[in-house]
Amino acid sequence: SLLTLVLGNVNLSKGLVFGIFECTQGLKIVSSFGVNFLPLCAFICGFSGISIIMQSLAYLKKAKIKTAPFFIAKILMAVISCVLSFLLYPIFF
């Protein structure tokens, strides 16, 4: 309900929640609202979903790479891609 207040639409907040867990379903829902929500789609793509992150963690443990920096990097990648798409959106659309 908090996301619905922030985003202003129940289906849009549902798309964001789905995108956090599994990016293809979330992107499908969010992209149906049009190009105006490109930064939200960029956030979902940058984060790539918890399901993909969990699959990556299985390989990272074998390579002895710490998981916390990887997870923080995925969050930063999502935020940076969202901000860049928000800033570049007026230039291209």
N, C-alpha and C. Protein backbone atom coordinates (compact mmCIF):
# COMPACT_ATOMS: atom_id res chain seq x y z
N SER A 1 0.82 -1.20 0.00
CA SER A 1 0.00 0.00 0.00
C SER A 1 0.86 1.26 0.00
N LEU A 2 2.05 1.19 0.60
CA LEU A 2 2.94 2.35 0.61
C LEU A 2 3.44 2.63 -0.81
N LEU A 3 3.77 1.58 -1.55
CA LEU A 3 4.20 1.77 -2.94
C LEU A 3 3.08 2.35 -3.79
N THR A 4 1.87 1.96 -3.51
CA THR A 4 0.73 2.49 -4.25
C THR A 4 0.59 3.99 -4.01
N LEU A 5 0.83 4.43 -2.79
CA LEU A 5 0.79 5.87 -2.50
C LEU A 5 1.90 6.61 -3.23
N VAL A 6 3.10 6.01 -3.28
CA VAL A 6 4.24 6.66 -3.91
C VAL A 6 4.09 6.68 -5.43
N LEU A 7 3.73 5.53 -6.01
CA LEU A 7 3.64 5.41 -7.46
C LEU A 7 2.30 5.84 -8.02
N GLY A 8 1.27 5.83 -7.19
CA GLY A 8 -0.03 6.32 -7.62
C GLY A 8 -0.88 5.30 -8.37
N ASN A 9 -0.43 4.06 -8.47
CA ASN A 9 -1.19 3.06 -9.21
C ASN A 9 -0.92 1.69 -8.61
N VAL A 10 -1.98 0.93 -8.39
CA VAL A 10 -1.85 -0.40 -7.79
C VAL A 10 -1.08 -1.34 -8.72
N ASN A 11 -1.40 -1.32 -10.01
CA ASN A 11 -0.74 -2.22 -10.95
C ASN A 11 0.73 -1.87 -11.14
N LEU A 12 1.05 -0.60 -11.08
CA LEU A 12 2.44 -0.18 -11.21
C LEU A 12 3.26 -0.64 -10.00
N SER A 13 2.70 -0.51 -8.81
CA SER A 13 3.40 -0.99 -7.62
C SER A 13 3.51 -2.51 -7.63
N LYS A 14 2.50 -3.18 -8.16
CA LYS A 14 2.56 -4.64 -8.31
C LYS A 14 3.68 -5.03 -9.27
N GLY A 15 3.84 -4.27 -10.35
CA GLY A 15 4.90 -4.53 -11.30
C GLY A 15 6.28 -4.35 -10.68
N LEU A 16 6.44 -3.33 -9.82
CA LEU A 16 7.71 -3.11 -9.15
C LEU A 16 8.03 -4.26 -8.19
N VAL A 17 7.04 -4.69 -7.45
CA VAL A 17 7.26 -5.80 -6.51
C VAL A 17 7.60 -7.08 -7.27
N PHE A 18 6.88 -7.36 -8.35
CA PHE A 18 7.19 -8.53 -9.17
C PHE A 18 8.60 -8.40 -9.76
N GLY A 19 8.97 -7.18 -10.17
CA GLY A 19 10.28 -6.95 -10.76
C GLY A 19 11.41 -7.14 -9.77
N ILE A 20 11.17 -6.85 -8.51
CA ILE A 20 12.20 -7.07 -7.50
C ILE A 20 12.48 -8.56 -7.33
N PHE A 21 11.44 -9.37 -7.45
CA PHE A 21 11.63 -10.81 -7.30
C PHE A 21 12.01 -11.49 -8.61
N GLU A 22 11.35 -11.13 -9.70
CA GLU A 22 11.62 -11.77 -10.98
C GLU A 22 11.43 -10.71 -12.06
N CYS A 23 12.49 -10.35 -12.74
CA CYS A 23 12.48 -9.12 -13.54
C CYS A 23 11.58 -9.19 -14.78
N THR A 24 11.43 -10.33 -15.42
CA THR A 24 10.66 -10.34 -16.67
C THR A 24 9.18 -10.04 -16.45
N GLN A 25 8.59 -10.60 -15.41
CA GLN A 25 7.18 -10.32 -15.14
C GLN A 25 6.99 -8.87 -14.71
N GLY A 26 7.90 -8.36 -13.89
CA GLY A 26 7.81 -6.98 -13.47
C GLY A 26 7.96 -6.01 -14.63
N LEU A 27 8.90 -6.30 -15.52
CA LEU A 27 9.09 -5.45 -16.69
C LEU A 27 7.89 -5.49 -17.62
N LYS A 28 7.28 -6.65 -17.73
CA LYS A 28 6.09 -6.78 -18.57
C LYS A 28 4.96 -5.88 -18.05
N ILE A 29 4.76 -5.89 -16.75
CA ILE A 29 3.69 -5.09 -16.15
C ILE A 29 4.01 -3.60 -16.24
N VAL A 30 5.23 -3.22 -15.87
CA VAL A 30 5.59 -1.79 -15.85
C VAL A 30 5.64 -1.23 -17.27
N SER A 31 6.17 -1.98 -18.21
CA SER A 31 6.28 -1.45 -19.57
C SER A 31 4.93 -1.30 -20.25
N SER A 32 3.91 -1.96 -19.76
CA SER A 32 2.58 -1.80 -20.34
C SER A 32 1.99 -0.41 -20.06
N PHE A 33 2.61 0.34 -19.14
CA PHE A 33 2.15 1.69 -18.83
C PHE A 33 2.76 2.74 -19.74
N GLY A 34 3.66 2.35 -20.62
CA GLY A 34 4.22 3.28 -21.59
C GLY A 34 5.63 3.70 -21.25
N VAL A 35 6.18 4.53 -22.13
CA VAL A 35 7.57 4.93 -22.03
C VAL A 35 7.82 5.90 -20.87
N ASN A 36 6.78 6.46 -20.29
CA ASN A 36 6.95 7.39 -19.17
C ASN A 36 7.56 6.73 -17.94
N PHE A 37 7.47 5.42 -17.86
CA PHE A 37 8.00 4.69 -16.70
C PHE A 37 9.31 3.99 -17.03
N LEU A 38 10.06 4.55 -17.97
CA LEU A 38 11.36 4.01 -18.35
C LEU A 38 12.34 3.97 -17.18
N PRO A 39 12.43 4.98 -16.32
CA PRO A 39 13.35 4.88 -15.18
C PRO A 39 13.03 3.71 -14.24
N LEU A 40 11.76 3.42 -14.07
CA LEU A 40 11.38 2.28 -13.23
C LEU A 40 11.79 0.97 -13.89
N CYS A 41 11.64 0.89 -15.21
CA CYS A 41 12.10 -0.29 -15.94
C CYS A 41 13.62 -0.43 -15.85
N ALA A 42 14.33 0.69 -15.92
CA ALA A 42 15.79 0.67 -15.80
C ALA A 42 16.21 0.20 -14.41
N PHE A 43 15.46 0.60 -13.39
CA PHE A 43 15.75 0.14 -12.03
C PHE A 43 15.60 -1.38 -11.95
N ILE A 44 14.52 -1.90 -12.49
CA ILE A 44 14.29 -3.34 -12.45
C ILE A 44 15.37 -4.09 -13.22
N CYS A 45 15.75 -3.58 -14.39
CA CYS A 45 16.81 -4.22 -15.18
C CYS A 45 18.15 -4.17 -14.46
N GLY A 46 18.45 -3.05 -13.83
CA GLY A 46 19.71 -2.92 -13.11
C GLY A 46 19.79 -3.84 -11.91
N PHE A 47 18.68 -4.02 -11.23
CA PHE A 47 18.66 -4.90 -10.07
C PHE A 47 18.64 -6.36 -10.49
N SER A 48 17.93 -6.66 -11.55
CA SER A 48 17.84 -7.97 -12.19
C SER A 48 17.04 -9.02 -11.43
N GLY A 49 16.46 -8.70 -10.33
CA GLY A 49 15.58 -9.62 -9.62
C GLY A 49 16.32 -10.52 -8.64
N ILE A 50 15.64 -10.82 -7.57
CA ILE A 50 16.23 -11.66 -6.53
C ILE A 50 16.48 -13.07 -7.04
N SER A 51 15.64 -13.57 -7.93
CA SER A 51 15.85 -14.93 -8.44
C SER A 51 17.17 -15.04 -9.20
N ILE A 52 17.50 -14.05 -9.99
CA ILE A 52 18.77 -14.07 -10.73
C ILE A 52 19.94 -13.86 -9.79
N ILE A 53 19.76 -13.00 -8.80
CA ILE A 53 20.83 -12.77 -7.83
C ILE A 53 21.13 -14.04 -7.05
N MET A 54 20.11 -14.78 -6.66
CA MET A 54 20.32 -16.03 -5.93
C MET A 54 21.04 -17.06 -6.80
N GLN A 55 20.73 -17.10 -8.08
CA GLN A 55 21.43 -18.01 -8.98
C GLN A 55 22.90 -17.61 -9.08
N SER A 56 23.17 -16.33 -9.12
CA SER A 56 24.55 -15.85 -9.21
C SER A 56 25.32 -16.14 -7.92
N LEU A 57 24.65 -16.07 -6.80
CA LEU A 57 25.32 -16.31 -5.52
C LEU A 57 25.84 -17.73 -5.41
N ALA A 58 25.19 -18.68 -6.05
CA ALA A 58 25.66 -20.06 -6.03
C ALA A 58 27.04 -20.15 -6.68
N TYR A 59 27.26 -19.42 -7.75
CA TYR A 59 28.56 -19.42 -8.41
C TYR A 59 29.58 -18.56 -7.68
N LEU A 60 29.11 -17.48 -7.08
CA LEU A 60 30.02 -16.60 -6.35
C LEU A 60 30.62 -17.29 -5.13
N LYS A 61 29.84 -18.13 -4.48
CA LYS A 61 30.36 -18.85 -3.31
C LYS A 61 31.46 -19.82 -3.72
N LYS A 62 31.30 -20.47 -4.88
CA LYS A 62 32.33 -21.38 -5.37
C LYS A 62 33.60 -20.61 -5.73
N ALA A 63 33.46 -19.38 -6.19
CA ALA A 63 34.61 -18.56 -6.55
C ALA A 63 35.16 -17.80 -5.35
N LYS A 64 34.58 -18.01 -4.20
CA LYS A 64 34.98 -17.37 -2.94
C LYS A 64 34.93 -15.85 -3.02
N ILE A 65 33.86 -15.35 -3.65
CA ILE A 65 33.60 -13.92 -3.72
C ILE A 65 32.56 -13.59 -2.67
N LYS A 66 32.77 -12.54 -1.92
CA LYS A 66 31.83 -12.17 -0.85
C LYS A 66 30.51 -11.71 -1.45
N THR A 67 29.43 -12.11 -0.79
CA THR A 67 28.10 -11.82 -1.32
C THR A 67 27.60 -10.41 -1.01
N ALA A 68 27.99 -9.86 0.11
CA ALA A 68 27.51 -8.53 0.49
C ALA A 68 27.93 -7.45 -0.51
N PRO A 69 29.20 -7.39 -0.93
CA PRO A 69 29.56 -6.38 -1.93
C PRO A 69 28.83 -6.58 -3.26
N PHE A 70 28.58 -7.83 -3.63
CA PHE A 70 27.85 -8.11 -4.86
C PHE A 70 26.42 -7.57 -4.78
N PHE A 71 25.77 -7.83 -3.65
CA PHE A 71 24.39 -7.37 -3.47
C PHE A 71 24.32 -5.84 -3.42
N ILE A 72 25.27 -5.22 -2.75
CA ILE A 72 25.31 -3.75 -2.70
C ILE A 72 25.56 -3.19 -4.10
N ALA A 73 26.43 -3.84 -4.86
CA ALA A 73 26.69 -3.40 -6.23
C ALA A 73 25.45 -3.50 -7.11
N LYS A 74 24.64 -4.53 -6.91
CA LYS A 74 23.41 -4.68 -7.69
C LYS A 74 22.42 -3.56 -7.33
N ILE A 75 22.32 -3.21 -6.08
CA ILE A 75 21.44 -2.11 -5.67
C ILE A 75 21.94 -0.79 -6.25
N LEU A 76 23.26 -0.56 -6.16
CA LEU A 76 23.83 0.67 -6.73
C LEU A 76 23.63 0.72 -8.25
N MET A 77 23.78 -0.42 -8.91
CA MET A 77 23.57 -0.47 -10.35
C MET A 77 22.13 -0.12 -10.69
N ALA A 78 21.20 -0.59 -9.89
CA ALA A 78 19.79 -0.28 -10.13
C ALA A 78 19.51 1.20 -9.94
N VAL A 79 20.05 1.78 -8.89
CA VAL A 79 19.83 3.21 -8.62
C VAL A 79 20.49 4.08 -9.69
N ILE A 80 21.71 3.74 -10.07
CA ILE A 80 22.41 4.53 -11.08
C ILE A 80 21.69 4.45 -12.43
N SER A 81 21.24 3.27 -12.82
CA SER A 81 20.54 3.14 -14.10
C SER A 81 19.20 3.88 -14.07
N CYS A 82 18.54 3.89 -12.92
CA CYS A 82 17.29 4.64 -12.79
C CYS A 82 17.54 6.15 -12.93
N VAL A 83 18.56 6.65 -12.25
CA VAL A 83 18.87 8.07 -12.29
C VAL A 83 19.31 8.49 -13.69
N LEU A 84 20.17 7.68 -14.32
CA LEU A 84 20.63 8.02 -15.67
C LEU A 84 19.49 8.02 -16.68
N SER A 85 18.62 7.05 -16.58
CA SER A 85 17.49 7.03 -17.52
C SER A 85 16.53 8.19 -17.26
N PHE A 86 16.40 8.59 -16.01
CA PHE A 86 15.56 9.75 -15.69
C PHE A 86 16.16 11.03 -16.27
N LEU A 87 17.49 11.16 -16.18
CA LEU A 87 18.16 12.34 -16.69
C LEU A 87 18.23 12.37 -18.23
N LEU A 88 18.40 11.21 -18.85
CA LEU A 88 18.55 11.14 -20.30
C LEU A 88 17.22 11.00 -21.04
N TYR A 89 16.17 10.70 -20.31
CA TYR A 89 14.85 10.52 -20.93
C TYR A 89 14.42 11.74 -21.75
N PRO A 90 14.54 12.97 -21.25
CA PRO A 90 14.08 14.13 -22.04
C PRO A 90 14.88 14.33 -23.33
N ILE A 91 16.11 13.89 -23.36
CA ILE A 91 16.93 14.05 -24.55
C ILE A 91 16.46 13.15 -25.69
N PHE A 92 16.10 11.92 -25.36
CA PHE A 92 15.79 10.93 -26.39
C PHE A 92 14.30 10.76 -26.67
N PHE A 93 13.45 11.17 -25.73
CA PHE A 93 12.01 10.98 -25.95
C PHE A 93 11.34 12.30 -25.91
